């Protein structure tokens, strides 16, 4: 009975570790902002362990410091084998006086990531 219990605990421990490893939230690896035309372009490199059409990074948004969504884009397909996702949003209008933006990423399984990327604006 003790051996069976130890085996069961070992199996459950392995499952929870595997589940946590596979549940990595999407994140912004890097981002930049440049003026273009009469707006701004934000470029981002996004990472997520996409596993297929049922679980992949599916969108991202640029927010003002107060949480106002300034721009949003869908990501329309999975990027397998750890391939970085390179995205850009153009024509973004910045509110007066902002010194940074926030970028959030969404995945099809877990929704919006709880962690945002802070993009500092140069004076």
PDB file of N, CA and C in Angstrom:
ATOM      1  N   UNK A   1       0.824  -1.205   0.000  1.00  0.00           N
ATOM      2  CA  UNK A   1       0.000   0.000   0.000  1.00  0.00           C
ATOM      3  C   UNK A   1       0.864   1.262   0.000  1.00  0.00           C
ATOM      4  N   UNK A   2       1.936   1.255   0.795  1.00  0.00           N
ATOM      5  CA  UNK A   2       2.818   2.414   0.855  1.00  0.00           C
ATOM      6  C   UNK A   2       3.507   2.619  -0.493  1.00  0.00           C
ATOM      7  N   UNK A   3       3.921   1.507  -1.137  1.00  0.00           N
ATOM      8  CA  UNK A   3       4.581   1.622  -2.442  1.00  0.00           C
ATOM      9  C   UNK A   3       3.613   2.176  -3.480  1.00  0.00           C
ATOM     10  N   UNK A   4       2.370   1.740  -3.458  1.00  0.00           N
ATOM     11  CA  UNK A   4       1.368   2.230  -4.397  1.00  0.00           C
ATOM     12  C   UNK A   4       1.137   3.732  -4.192  1.00  0.00           C
ATOM     13  N   UNK A   5       1.053   4.154  -2.950  1.00  0.00           N
ATOM     14  CA  UNK A   5       0.860   5.569  -2.649  1.00  0.00           C
ATOM     15  C   UNK A   5       2.055   6.397  -3.141  1.00  0.00           C
ATOM     16  N   UNK A   6       3.274   5.901  -2.925  1.00  0.00           N
ATOM     17  CA  UNK A   6       4.479   6.604  -3.386  1.00  0.00           C
ATOM     18  C   UNK A   6       4.491   6.699  -4.906  1.00  0.00           C
ATOM     19  N   UNK A   7       4.098   5.624  -5.588  1.00  0.00           N
ATOM     20  CA  UNK A   7       4.046   5.626  -7.044  1.00  0.00           C
ATOM     21  C   UNK A   7       3.011   6.638  -7.537  1.00  0.00           C
ATOM     22  N   UNK A   8       1.852   6.647  -6.916  1.00  0.00           N
ATOM     23  CA  UNK A   8       0.797   7.576  -7.291  1.00  0.00           C
ATOM     24  C   UNK A   8       1.244   9.031  -7.100  1.00  0.00           C
ATOM     25  N   UNK A   9       1.893   9.328  -5.975  1.00  0.00           N
ATOM     26  CA  UNK A   9       2.393  10.679  -5.738  1.00  0.00           C
ATOM     27  C   UNK A   9       3.446  11.074  -6.766  1.00  0.00           C
ATOM     28  N   UNK A  10       4.314  10.155  -7.137  1.00  0.00           N
ATOM     29  CA  UNK A  10       5.340  10.444  -8.141  1.00  0.00           C
ATOM     30  C   UNK A  10       4.708  10.753  -9.494  1.00  0.00           C
ATOM     31  N   UNK A  11       3.700   9.986  -9.881  1.00  0.00           N
ATOM     32  CA  UNK A  11       3.015  10.205 -11.156  1.00  0.00           C
ATOM     33  C   UNK A  11       2.291  11.552 -11.144  1.00  0.00           C
ATOM     34  N   UNK A  12       1.569  11.851 -10.075  1.00  0.00           N
ATOM     35  CA  UNK A  12       0.854  13.117  -9.985  1.00  0.00           C
ATOM     36  C   UNK A  12       1.814  14.302  -9.975  1.00  0.00           C
ATOM     37  N   UNK A  13       2.936  14.165  -9.306  1.00  0.00           N
ATOM     38  CA  UNK A  13       3.934  15.230  -9.289  1.00  0.00           C
ATOM     39  C   UNK A  13       4.468  15.476 -10.687  1.00  0.00           C
ATOM     40  N   UNK A  14       4.741  14.430 -11.427  1.00  0.00           N
ATOM     41  CA  UNK A  14       5.227  14.562 -12.799  1.00  0.00           C
ATOM     42  C   UNK A  14       4.200  15.208 -13.698  1.00  0.00           C
ATOM     43  N   UNK A  15       2.931  14.856 -13.517  1.00  0.00           N
ATOM     44  CA  UNK A  15       1.871  15.458 -14.321  1.00  0.00           C
ATOM     45  C   UNK A  15       1.743  16.947 -14.047  1.00  0.00           C
ATOM     46  N   UNK A  16       1.798  17.348 -12.783  1.00  0.00           N
ATOM     47  CA  UNK A  16       1.641  18.772 -12.487  1.00  0.00           C
ATOM     48  C   UNK A  16       2.829  19.564 -13.013  1.00  0.00           C
ATOM     49  N   UNK A  17       4.039  18.999 -12.959  1.00  0.00           N
ATOM     50  CA  UNK A  17       5.201  19.686 -13.516  1.00  0.00           C
ATOM     51  C   UNK A  17       5.060  19.822 -15.017  1.00  0.00           C
ATOM     52  N   UNK A  18       4.623  18.771 -15.698  1.00  0.00           N
ATOM     53  CA  UNK A  18       4.441  18.837 -17.149  1.00  0.00           C
ATOM     54  C   UNK A  18       3.356  19.845 -17.511  1.00  0.00           C
ATOM     55  N   UNK A  19       2.276  19.884 -16.735  1.00  0.00           N
ATOM     56  CA  UNK A  19       1.196  20.820 -17.007  1.00  0.00           C
ATOM     57  C   UNK A  19       1.677  22.261 -16.858  1.00  0.00           C
ATOM     58  N   UNK A  20       2.443  22.537 -15.800  1.00  0.00           N
ATOM     59  CA  UNK A  20       2.941  23.887 -15.608  1.00  0.00           C
ATOM     60  C   UNK A  20       3.900  24.290 -16.717  1.00  0.00           C
ATOM     61  N   UNK A  21       4.752  23.378 -17.152  1.00  0.00           N
ATOM     62  CA  UNK A  21       5.705  23.703 -18.219  1.00  0.00           C
ATOM     63  C   UNK A  21       4.975  23.997 -19.519  1.00  0.00           C
ATOM     64  N   UNK A  22       3.893  23.257 -19.799  1.00  0.00           N
ATOM     65  CA  UNK A  22       3.148  23.459 -21.029  1.00  0.00           C
ATOM     66  C   UNK A  22       2.227  24.659 -20.975  1.00  0.00           C
ATOM     67  N   UNK A  23       2.039  25.235 -19.797  1.00  0.00           N
ATOM     68  CA  UNK A  23       1.103  26.337 -19.627  1.00  0.00           C
ATOM     69  C   UNK A  23       1.805  27.688 -19.583  1.00  0.00           C
ATOM     70  N   UNK A  24       2.991  27.769 -20.163  1.00  0.00           N
ATOM     71  CA  UNK A  24       3.727  29.023 -20.163  1.00  0.00           C
ATOM     72  C   UNK A  24       2.912  30.100 -20.873  1.00  0.00           C
ATOM     73  N   UNK A  25       2.785  31.242 -20.225  1.00  0.00           N
ATOM     74  CA  UNK A  25       2.006  32.348 -20.789  1.00  0.00           C
ATOM     75  C   UNK A  25       2.760  32.998 -21.942  1.00  0.00           C
ATOM     76  N   UNK A  26       2.035  33.547 -22.905  1.00  0.00           N
ATOM     77  CA  UNK A  26       2.718  34.285 -23.969  1.00  0.00           C
ATOM     78  C   UNK A  26       3.388  35.519 -23.381  1.00  0.00           C
ATOM     79  N   UNK A  27       4.513  35.922 -23.978  1.00  0.00           N
ATOM     80  CA  UNK A  27       5.206  37.100 -23.470  1.00  0.00           C
ATOM     81  C   UNK A  27       5.864  37.858 -24.614  1.00  0.00           C
ATOM     82  N   UNK A  28       6.098  39.125 -24.368  1.00  0.00           N
ATOM     83  CA  UNK A  28       6.814  39.980 -25.317  1.00  0.00           C
ATOM     84  C   UNK A  28       8.298  39.863 -24.978  1.00  0.00           C
ATOM     85  N   UNK A  29       9.086  39.388 -25.936  1.00  0.00           N
ATOM     86  CA  UNK A  29      10.527  39.255 -25.730  1.00  0.00           C
ATOM     87  C   UNK A  29      11.230  40.591 -25.921  1.00  0.00           C
ATOM     88  N   UNK A  30      10.748  41.400 -26.871  1.00  0.00           N
ATOM     89  CA  UNK A  30      11.308  42.733 -27.108  1.00  0.00           C
ATOM     90  C   UNK A  30      10.283  43.556 -27.876  1.00  0.00           C
ATOM     91  N   UNK A  31      10.449  44.871 -27.811  1.00  0.00           N
ATOM     92  CA  UNK A  31       9.543  45.769 -28.537  1.00  0.00           C
ATOM     93  C   UNK A  31      10.244  47.089 -28.801  1.00  0.00           C
ATOM     94  N   UNK A  32       9.774  47.772 -29.832  1.00  0.00           N
ATOM     95  CA  UNK A  32      10.306  49.104 -30.164  1.00  0.00           C
ATOM     96  C   UNK A  32       9.172  49.946 -30.730  1.00  0.00           C
ATOM     97  N   UNK A  33       9.400  51.252 -30.732  1.00  0.00           N
ATOM     98  CA  UNK A  33       8.415  52.178 -31.272  1.00  0.00           C
ATOM     99  C   UNK A  33       9.141  53.228 -32.110  1.00  0.00           C
ATOM    100  N   UNK A  34       8.578  53.528 -33.277  1.00  0.00           N
ATOM    101  CA  UNK A  34       9.173  54.533 -34.169  1.00  0.00           C
ATOM    102  C   UNK A  34       8.058  55.399 -34.749  1.00  0.00           C
ATOM    103  N   UNK A  35       8.350  56.707 -34.956  1.00  0.00           N
ATOM    104  CA  UNK A  35       7.358  57.559 -35.602  1.00  0.00           C
ATOM    105  C   UNK A  35       7.302  57.239 -37.095  1.00  0.00           C
ATOM    106  N   UNK A  36       6.099  57.131 -37.622  1.00  0.00           N
ATOM    107  CA  UNK A  36       5.910  56.900 -39.062  1.00  0.00           C
ATOM    108  C   UNK A  36       4.675  57.654 -39.507  1.00  0.00           C
ATOM    109  N   UNK A  37       4.843  58.507 -40.507  1.00  0.00           N
ATOM    110  CA  UNK A  37       3.719  59.311 -40.981  1.00  0.00           C
ATOM    111  C   UNK A  37       3.203  60.196 -39.874  1.00  0.00           C
ATOM    112  N   UNK A  38       1.889  60.193 -39.664  1.00  0.00           N
ATOM    113  CA  UNK A  38       1.326  61.011 -38.587  1.00  0.00           C
ATOM    114  C   UNK A  38       0.945  60.159 -37.378  1.00  0.00           C
ATOM    115  N   UNK A  39       1.588  59.005 -37.244  1.00  0.00           N
ATOM    116  CA  UNK A  39       1.356  58.132 -36.097  1.00  0.00           C
ATOM    117  C   UNK A  39       2.640  57.429 -35.684  1.00  0.00           C
ATOM    118  N   UNK A  40       2.482  56.377 -34.938  1.00  0.00           N
ATOM    119  CA  UNK A  40       3.619  55.602 -34.437  1.00  0.00           C
ATOM    120  C   UNK A  40       3.442  54.139 -34.820  1.00  0.00           C
ATOM    121  N   UNK A  41       4.557  53.443 -35.002  1.00  0.00           N
ATOM    122  CA  UNK A  41       4.548  52.001 -35.259  1.00  0.00           C
ATOM    123  C   UNK A  41       5.216  51.298 -34.098  1.00  0.00           C
ATOM    124  N   UNK A  42       4.520  50.318 -33.554  1.00  0.00           N
ATOM    125  CA  UNK A  42       5.079  49.482 -32.497  1.00  0.00           C
ATOM    126  C   UNK A  42       5.378  48.121 -33.099  1.00  0.00           C
ATOM    127  N   UNK A  43       6.621  47.681 -32.927  1.00  0.00           N
ATOM    128  CA  UNK A  43       7.051  46.350 -33.370  1.00  0.00           C
ATOM    129  C   UNK A  43       7.331  45.512 -32.136  1.00  0.00           C
ATOM    130  N   UNK A  44       6.885  44.257 -32.164  1.00  0.00           N
ATOM    131  CA  UNK A  44       7.081  43.378 -31.012  1.00  0.00           C
ATOM    132  C   UNK A  44       7.500  41.984 -31.467  1.00  0.00           C
ATOM    133  N   UNK A  45       8.356  41.377 -30.664  1.00  0.00           N
ATOM    134  CA  UNK A  45       8.706  39.964 -30.835  1.00  0.00           C
ATOM    135  C   UNK A  45       8.046  39.230 -29.679  1.00  0.00           C
ATOM    136  N   UNK A  46       7.170  38.290 -30.024  1.00  0.00           N
ATOM    137  CA  UNK A  46       6.358  37.574 -29.043  1.00  0.00           C
ATOM    138  C   UNK A  46       6.814  36.120 -28.991  1.00  0.00           C
ATOM    139  N   UNK A  47       6.860  35.577 -27.793  1.00  0.00           N
ATOM    140  CA  UNK A  47       7.223  34.165 -27.622  1.00  0.00           C
ATOM    141  C   UNK A  47       6.098  33.438 -26.881  1.00  0.00           C
ATOM    142  N   UNK A  48       5.828  32.225 -27.352  1.00  0.00           N
ATOM    143  CA  UNK A  48       4.831  31.361 -26.714  1.00  0.00           C
ATOM    144  C   UNK A  48       5.039  29.951 -27.253  1.00  0.00           C
ATOM    145  N   UNK A  49       4.961  28.945 -26.404  1.00  0.00           N
ATOM    146  CA  UNK A  49       5.131  27.572 -26.892  1.00  0.00           C
ATOM    147  C   UNK A  49       3.863  27.070 -27.590  1.00  0.00           C
ATOM    148  N   UNK A  50       3.558  27.641 -28.760  1.00  0.00           N
ATOM    149  CA  UNK A  50       2.371  27.220 -29.512  1.00  0.00           C
ATOM    150  C   UNK A  50       2.432  25.714 -29.760  1.00  0.00           C
ATOM    151  N   UNK A  51       1.303  25.043 -29.565  1.00  0.00           N
ATOM    152  CA  UNK A  51       1.276  23.589 -29.781  1.00  0.00           C
ATOM    153  C   UNK A  51       0.376  23.195 -30.946  1.00  0.00           C
ATOM    154  N   UNK A  52      -0.306  24.137 -31.549  1.00  0.00           N
ATOM    155  CA  UNK A  52      -1.206  23.853 -32.671  1.00  0.00           C
ATOM    156  C   UNK A  52      -2.399  24.789 -32.624  1.00  0.00           C
ATOM    157  N   UNK A  53      -3.402  24.484 -33.435  1.00  0.00           N
ATOM    158  CA  UNK A  53      -4.569  25.364 -33.553  1.00  0.00           C
ATOM    159  C   UNK A  53      -5.377  25.473 -32.265  1.00  0.00           C
ATOM    160  N   UNK A  54      -5.218  24.528 -31.350  1.00  0.00           N
ATOM    161  CA  UNK A  54      -5.978  24.579 -30.104  1.00  0.00           C
ATOM    162  C   UNK A  54      -5.272  25.396 -29.019  1.00  0.00           C
ATOM    163  N   UNK A  55      -3.992  25.734 -29.219  1.00  0.00           N
ATOM    164  CA  UNK A  55      -3.264  26.506 -28.205  1.00  0.00           C
ATOM    165  C   UNK A  55      -2.125  27.275 -28.864  1.00  0.00           C
ATOM    166  N   UNK A  56      -2.370  28.569 -29.118  1.00  0.00           N
ATOM    167  CA  UNK A  56      -1.340  29.418 -29.707  1.00  0.00           C
ATOM    168  C   UNK A  56      -1.575  30.880 -29.314  1.00  0.00           C
ATOM    169  N   UNK A  57      -0.517  31.687 -29.429  1.00  0.00           N
ATOM    170  CA  UNK A  57      -0.640  33.125 -29.187  1.00  0.00           C
ATOM    171  C   UNK A  57      -1.544  33.697 -30.279  1.00  0.00           C
ATOM    172  N   UNK A  58      -2.660  34.309 -29.882  1.00  0.00           N
ATOM    173  CA  UNK A  58      -3.700  34.663 -30.851  1.00  0.00           C
ATOM    174  C   UNK A  58      -3.958  36.158 -30.996  1.00  0.00           C
ATOM    175  N   UNK A  59      -3.277  36.992 -30.227  1.00  0.00           N
ATOM    176  CA  UNK A  59      -3.486  38.421 -30.375  1.00  0.00           C
ATOM    177  C   UNK A  59      -2.607  39.214 -29.433  1.00  0.00           C
ATOM    178  N   UNK A  60      -2.510  40.510 -29.711  1.00  0.00           N
ATOM    179  CA  UNK A  60      -1.748  41.398 -28.835  1.00  0.00           C
ATOM    180  C   UNK A  60      -2.315  42.797 -28.909  1.00  0.00           C
ATOM    181  N   UNK A  61      -2.046  43.580 -27.882  1.00  0.00           N
ATOM    182  CA  UNK A  61      -2.571  44.929 -27.846  1.00  0.00           C
ATOM    183  C   UNK A  61      -1.561  45.889 -27.206  1.00  0.00           C
ATOM    184  N   UNK A  62      -1.657  47.136 -27.645  1.00  0.00           N
ATOM    185  CA  UNK A  62      -0.850  48.217 -27.102  1.00  0.00           C
ATOM    186  C   UNK A  62      -1.784  49.091 -26.276  1.00  0.00           C
ATOM    187  N   UNK A  63      -1.378  49.352 -25.034  1.00  0.00           N
ATOM    188  CA  UNK A  63      -2.216  50.129 -24.120  1.00  0.00           C
ATOM    189  C   UNK A  63      -1.493  51.377 -23.624  1.00  0.00           C
ATOM    190  N   UNK A  64      -2.265  52.428 -23.363  1.00  0.00           N
ATOM    191  CA  UNK A  64      -1.750  53.615 -22.691  1.00  0.00           C
ATOM    192  C   UNK A  64      -1.523  53.251 -21.223  1.00  0.00           C
ATOM    193  N   UNK A  65      -0.762  54.049 -20.487  1.00  0.00           N
ATOM    194  CA  UNK A  65      -0.525  53.750 -19.073  1.00  0.00           C
ATOM    195  C   UNK A  65      -1.800  53.609 -18.242  1.00  0.00           C
ATOM    196  N   UNK A  66      -2.884  54.283 -18.637  1.00  0.00           N
ATOM    197  CA  UNK A  66      -4.136  54.183 -17.879  1.00  0.00           C
ATOM    198  C   UNK A  66      -4.979  52.969 -18.263  1.00  0.00           C
ATOM    199  N   UNK A  67      -4.460  52.132 -19.191  1.00  0.00           N
ATOM    200  CA  UNK A  67      -5.168  50.919 -19.590  1.00  0.00           C
ATOM    201  C   UNK A  67      -6.005  51.057 -20.847  1.00  0.00           C
ATOM    202  N   UNK A  68      -6.088  52.251 -21.419  1.00  0.00           N
ATOM    203  CA  UNK A  68      -6.822  52.450 -22.654  1.00  0.00           C
ATOM    204  C   UNK A  68      -6.154  51.691 -23.794  1.00  0.00           C
ATOM    205  N   UNK A  69      -6.925  50.892 -24.522  1.00  0.00           N
ATOM    206  CA  UNK A  69      -6.373  50.148 -25.656  1.00  0.00           C
ATOM    207  C   UNK A  69      -6.184  51.106 -26.825  1.00  0.00           C
ATOM    208  N   UNK A  70      -4.936  51.219 -27.299  1.00  0.00           N
ATOM    209  CA  UNK A  70      -4.606  52.108 -28.412  1.00  0.00           C
ATOM    210  C   UNK A  70      -4.601  51.365 -29.741  1.00  0.00           C
ATOM    211  N   UNK A  71      -4.293  50.069 -29.707  1.00  0.00           N
ATOM    212  CA  UNK A  71      -4.245  49.268 -30.932  1.00  0.00           C
ATOM    213  C   UNK A  71      -4.325  47.791 -30.557  1.00  0.00           C
ATOM    214  N   UNK A  72      -4.862  46.996 -31.495  1.00  0.00           N
ATOM    215  CA  UNK A  72      -5.013  45.553 -31.279  1.00  0.00           C
ATOM    216  C   UNK A  72      -4.803  44.840 -32.604  1.00  0.00           C
ATOM    217  N   UNK A  73      -4.208  43.661 -32.544  1.00  0.00           N
ATOM    218  CA  UNK A  73      -4.062  42.834 -33.747  1.00  0.00           C
ATOM    219  C   UNK A  73      -4.269  41.371 -33.401  1.00  0.00           C
ATOM    220  N   UNK A  74      -4.964  40.680 -34.288  1.00  0.00           N
ATOM    221  CA  UNK A  74      -5.108  39.224 -34.188  1.00  0.00           C
ATOM    222  C   UNK A  74      -3.840  38.571 -34.727  1.00  0.00           C
ATOM    223  N   UNK A  75      -3.461  37.463 -34.145  1.00  0.00           N
ATOM    224  CA  UNK A  75      -2.433  36.597 -34.720  1.00  0.00           C
ATOM    225  C   UNK A  75      -3.208  35.403 -35.256  1.00  0.00           C
ATOM    226  N   UNK A  76      -3.128  35.169 -36.550  1.00  0.00           N
ATOM    227  CA  UNK A  76      -4.096  34.289 -37.205  1.00  0.00           C
ATOM    228  C   UNK A  76      -3.693  32.822 -37.330  1.00  0.00           C
ATOM    229  N   UNK A  77      -2.503  32.475 -36.859  1.00  0.00           N
ATOM    230  CA  UNK A  77      -2.098  31.063 -36.968  1.00  0.00           C
ATOM    231  C   UNK A  77      -1.018  30.753 -35.939  1.00  0.00           C
ATOM    232  N   UNK A  78      -0.877  29.469 -35.590  1.00  0.00           N
ATOM    233  CA  UNK A  78       0.173  29.092 -34.637  1.00  0.00           C
ATOM    234  C   UNK A  78       1.561  29.203 -35.252  1.00  0.00           C
ATOM    235  N   UNK A  79       2.534  29.425 -34.395  1.00  0.00           N
ATOM    236  CA  UNK A  79       3.950  29.458 -34.768  1.00  0.00           C
ATOM    237  C   UNK A  79       4.606  28.315 -34.002  1.00  0.00           C
ATOM    238  N   UNK A  80       4.888  27.240 -34.676  1.00  0.00           N
ATOM    239  CA  UNK A  80       5.367  26.026 -34.029  1.00  0.00           C
ATOM    240  C   UNK A  80       6.882  26.013 -33.899  1.00  0.00           C
ATOM    241  N   UNK A  81       7.385  25.070 -33.132  1.00  0.00           N
ATOM    242  CA  UNK A  81       8.826  24.852 -32.935  1.00  0.00           C
ATOM    243  C   UNK A  81       9.517  26.053 -32.298  1.00  0.00           C
ATOM    244  N   UNK A  82       8.821  26.799 -31.451  1.00  0.00           N
ATOM    245  CA  UNK A  82       9.426  27.913 -30.746  1.00  0.00           C
ATOM    246  C   UNK A  82       9.752  29.112 -31.610  1.00  0.00           C
ATOM    247  N   UNK A  83       9.205  29.130 -32.811  1.00  0.00           N
ATOM    248  CA  UNK A  83       9.449  30.233 -33.747  1.00  0.00           C
ATOM    249  C   UNK A  83       8.964  31.550 -33.131  1.00  0.00           C
ATOM    250  N   UNK A  84       9.830  32.587 -33.069  1.00  0.00           N
ATOM    251  CA  UNK A  84       9.359  33.869 -32.530  1.00  0.00           C
ATOM    252  C   UNK A  84       8.334  34.497 -33.472  1.00  0.00           C
ATOM    253  N   UNK A  85       7.401  35.179 -32.887  1.00  0.00           N
ATOM    254  CA  UNK A  85       6.343  35.830 -33.650  1.00  0.00           C
ATOM    255  C   UNK A  85       6.714  37.304 -33.763  1.00  0.00           C
ATOM    256  N   UNK A  86       6.898  37.784 -34.974  1.00  0.00           N
ATOM    257  CA  UNK A  86       7.261  39.181 -35.188  1.00  0.00           C
ATOM    258  C   UNK A  86       6.041  39.919 -35.732  1.00  0.00           C
ATOM    259  N   UNK A  87       5.609  40.916 -34.975  1.00  0.00           N
ATOM    260  CA  UNK A  87       4.379  41.640 -35.296  1.00  0.00           C
ATOM    261  C   UNK A  87       4.636  43.142 -35.306  1.00  0.00           C
ATOM    262  N   UNK A  88       3.757  43.880 -35.979  1.00  0.00           N
ATOM    263  CA  UNK A  88       3.803  45.336 -35.888  1.00  0.00           C
ATOM    264  C   UNK A  88       2.405  45.909 -36.030  1.00  0.00           C
ATOM    265  N   UNK A  89       2.195  46.999 -35.331  1.00  0.00           N
ATOM    266  CA  UNK A  89       0.953  47.773 -35.420  1.00  0.00           C
ATOM    267  C   UNK A  89       1.327  49.184 -35.833  1.00  0.00           C
ATOM    268  N   UNK A  90       0.632  49.721 -36.824  1.00  0.00           N
ATOM    269  CA  UNK A  90       0.970  51.046 -37.357  1.00  0.00           C
ATOM    270  C   UNK A  90      -0.163  52.042 -37.120  1.00  0.00           C
ATOM    271  N   UNK A  91       0.168  53.321 -37.281  1.00  0.00           N
ATOM    272  CA  UNK A  91      -0.838  54.378 -37.173  1.00  0.00           C
ATOM    273  C   UNK A  91      -1.342  54.625 -35.768  1.00  0.00           C
ATOM    274  N   UNK A  92      -0.570  54.252 -34.761  1.00  0.00           N
ATOM    275  CA  UNK A  92      -1.009  54.429 -33.374  1.00  0.00           C
ATOM    276  C   UNK A  92      -0.880  55.899 -32.985  1.00  0.00           C
ATOM    277  N   UNK A  93      -1.940  56.443 -32.409  1.00  0.00           N
ATOM    278  CA  UNK A  93      -1.946  57.814 -31.908  1.00  0.00           C
ATOM    279  C   UNK A  93      -1.684  57.775 -30.395  1.00  0.00           C
ATOM    280  N   UNK A  94      -0.648  58.480 -29.969  1.00  0.00           N
ATOM    281  CA  UNK A  94      -0.285  58.483 -28.550  1.00  0.00           C
ATOM    282  C   UNK A  94      -0.967  59.629 -27.819  1.00  0.00           C
ATOM    283  N   UNK A  95      -1.517  59.355 -26.640  1.00  0.00           N
ATOM    284  CA  UNK A  95      -2.078  60.439 -25.827  1.00  0.00           C
ATOM    285  C   UNK A  95      -0.974  61.399 -25.380  1.00  0.00           C
ATOM    286  N   UNK A  96      -1.332  62.653 -25.144  1.00  0.00           N
ATOM    287  CA  UNK A  96      -0.375  63.659 -24.667  1.00  0.00           C
ATOM    288  C   UNK A  96       0.222  63.234 -23.328  1.00  0.00           C
ATOM    289  N   UNK A  97       1.523  63.433 -23.197  1.00  0.00           N
ATOM    290  CA  UNK A  97       2.168  63.258 -21.902  1.00  0.00           C
ATOM    291  C   UNK A  97       2.521  61.836 -21.488  1.00  0.00           C
ATOM    292  N   UNK A  98       2.280  60.833 -22.332  1.00  0.00           N
ATOM    293  CA  UNK A  98       2.630  59.470 -21.917  1.00  0.00           C
ATOM    294  C   UNK A  98       4.139  59.261 -22.040  1.00  0.00           C
ATOM    295  N   UNK A  99       4.713  58.549 -21.075  1.00  0.00           N
ATOM    296  CA  UNK A  99       6.146  58.271 -21.105  1.00  0.00           C
ATOM    297  C   UNK A  99       6.441  56.795 -21.360  1.00  0.00           C
ATOM    298  N   UNK A 100       5.370  55.975 -21.407  1.00  0.00           N
ATOM    299  CA  UNK A 100       5.535  54.553 -21.703  1.00  0.00           C
ATOM    300  C   UNK A 100       4.212  53.974 -22.207  1.00  0.00           C
ATOM    301  N   UNK A 101       4.311  52.815 -22.809  1.00  0.00           N
ATOM    302  CA  UNK A 101       3.137  52.046 -23.235  1.00  0.00           C
ATOM    303  C   UNK A 101       3.240  50.664 -22.614  1.00  0.00           C
ATOM    304  N   UNK A 102       2.133  49.956 -22.593  1.00  0.00           N
ATOM    305  CA  UNK A 102       2.115  48.571 -22.121  1.00  0.00           C
ATOM    306  C   UNK A 102       1.662  47.694 -23.284  1.00  0.00           C
ATOM    307  N   UNK A 103       2.248  46.497 -23.376  1.00  0.00           N
ATOM    308  CA  UNK A 103       1.865  45.540 -24.413  1.00  0.00           C
ATOM    309  C   UNK A 103       1.436  44.258 -23.723  1.00  0.00           C
ATOM    310  N   UNK A 104       0.266  43.741 -24.125  1.00  0.00           N
ATOM    311  CA  UNK A 104      -0.244  42.475 -23.585  1.00  0.00           C
ATOM    312  C   UNK A 104      -0.456  41.497 -24.727  1.00  0.00           C
ATOM    313  N   UNK A 105      -0.302  40.210 -24.408  1.00  0.00           N
ATOM    314  CA  UNK A 105      -0.461  39.150 -25.401  1.00  0.00           C
ATOM    315  C   UNK A 105      -1.548  38.187 -24.919  1.00  0.00           C
ATOM    316  N   UNK A 106      -2.262  37.610 -25.875  1.00  0.00           N
ATOM    317  CA  UNK A 106      -3.353  36.676 -25.589  1.00  0.00           C
ATOM    318  C   UNK A 106      -3.047  35.333 -26.235  1.00  0.00           C
ATOM    319  N   UNK A 107      -3.482  34.251 -25.591  1.00  0.00           N
ATOM    320  CA  UNK A 107      -3.413  32.941 -26.251  1.00  0.00           C
ATOM    321  C   UNK A 107      -4.804  32.311 -26.244  1.00  0.00           C
ATOM    322  N   UNK A 108      -5.014  31.376 -27.151  1.00  0.00           N
ATOM    323  CA  UNK A 108      -6.341  30.794 -27.339  1.00  0.00           C
ATOM    324  C   UNK A 108      -6.814  30.005 -26.134  1.00  0.00           C
ATOM    325  N   UNK A 109      -5.890  29.439 -25.366  1.00  0.00           N
ATOM    326  CA  UNK A 109      -6.274  28.591 -24.242  1.00  0.00           C
ATOM    327  C   UNK A 109      -6.424  29.362 -22.936  1.00  0.00           C
ATOM    328  N   UNK A 110      -5.490  30.264 -22.649  1.00  0.00           N
ATOM    329  CA  UNK A 110      -5.447  30.920 -21.343  1.00  0.00           C
ATOM    330  C   UNK A 110      -5.922  32.363 -21.338  1.00  0.00           C
ATOM    331  N   UNK A 111      -6.227  32.932 -22.490  1.00  0.00           N
ATOM    332  CA  UNK A 111      -6.667  34.322 -22.548  1.00  0.00           C
ATOM    333  C   UNK A 111      -5.508  35.290 -22.433  1.00  0.00           C
ATOM    334  N   UNK A 112      -5.803  36.484 -21.913  1.00  0.00           N
ATOM    335  CA  UNK A 112      -4.786  37.536 -21.811  1.00  0.00           C
ATOM    336  C   UNK A 112      -3.769  37.204 -20.732  1.00  0.00           C
ATOM    337  N   UNK A 113      -2.508  37.422 -21.047  1.00  0.00           N
ATOM    338  CA  UNK A 113      -1.428  37.209 -20.084  1.00  0.00           C
ATOM    339  C   UNK A 113      -1.567  38.204 -18.944  1.00  0.00           C
ATOM    340  N   UNK A 114      -1.298  37.761 -17.738  1.00  0.00           N
ATOM    341  CA  UNK A 114      -1.375  38.654 -16.578  1.00  0.00           C
ATOM    342  C   UNK A 114      -0.208  39.630 -16.550  1.00  0.00           C
ATOM    343  N   UNK A 115       0.883  39.274 -17.202  1.00  0.00           N
ATOM    344  CA  UNK A 115       2.076  40.127 -17.213  1.00  0.00           C
ATOM    345  C   UNK A 115       2.116  40.954 -18.497  1.00  0.00           C
ATOM    346  N   UNK A 116       2.311  42.260 -18.345  1.00  0.00           N
ATOM    347  CA  UNK A 116       2.440  43.161 -19.494  1.00  0.00           C
ATOM    348  C   UNK A 116       3.888  43.565 -19.666  1.00  0.00           C
ATOM    349  N   UNK A 117       4.226  43.954 -20.899  1.00  0.00           N
ATOM    350  CA  UNK A 117       5.565  44.429 -21.215  1.00  0.00           C
ATOM    351  C   UNK A 117       5.519  45.950 -21.225  1.00  0.00           C
ATOM    352  N   UNK A 118       6.443  46.564 -20.523  1.00  0.00           N
ATOM    353  CA  UNK A 118       6.499  48.033 -20.473  1.00  0.00           C
ATOM    354  C   UNK A 118       7.465  48.530 -21.536  1.00  0.00           C
ATOM    355  N   UNK A 119       6.968  49.360 -22.443  1.00  0.00           N
ATOM    356  CA  UNK A 119       7.764  49.943 -23.510  1.00  0.00           C
ATOM    357  C   UNK A 119       7.975  51.420 -23.198  1.00  0.00           C
ATOM    358  N   UNK A 120       9.212  51.753 -22.850  1.00  0.00           N
ATOM    359  CA  UNK A 120       9.543  53.147 -22.515  1.00  0.00           C
ATOM    360  C   UNK A 120       9.629  53.986 -23.777  1.00  0.00           C
ATOM    361  N   UNK A 121       9.133  55.218 -23.721  1.00  0.00           N
ATOM    362  CA  UNK A 121       9.228  56.149 -24.827  1.00  0.00           C
ATOM    363  C   UNK A 121      10.404  57.080 -24.570  1.00  0.00           C
ATOM    364  N   UNK A 122      11.181  57.314 -25.600  1.00  0.00           N
ATOM    365  CA  UNK A 122      12.330  58.210 -25.472  1.00  0.00           C
ATOM    366  C   UNK A 122      11.853  59.660 -25.530  1.00  0.00           C
ATOM    367  N   UNK A 123      12.412  60.523 -24.665  1.00  0.00           N
ATOM    368  CA  UNK A 123      11.984  61.946 -24.654  1.00  0.00           C
ATOM    369  C   UNK A 123      12.391  62.669 -25.927  1.00  0.00           C
TER     370      UNK A 123
END
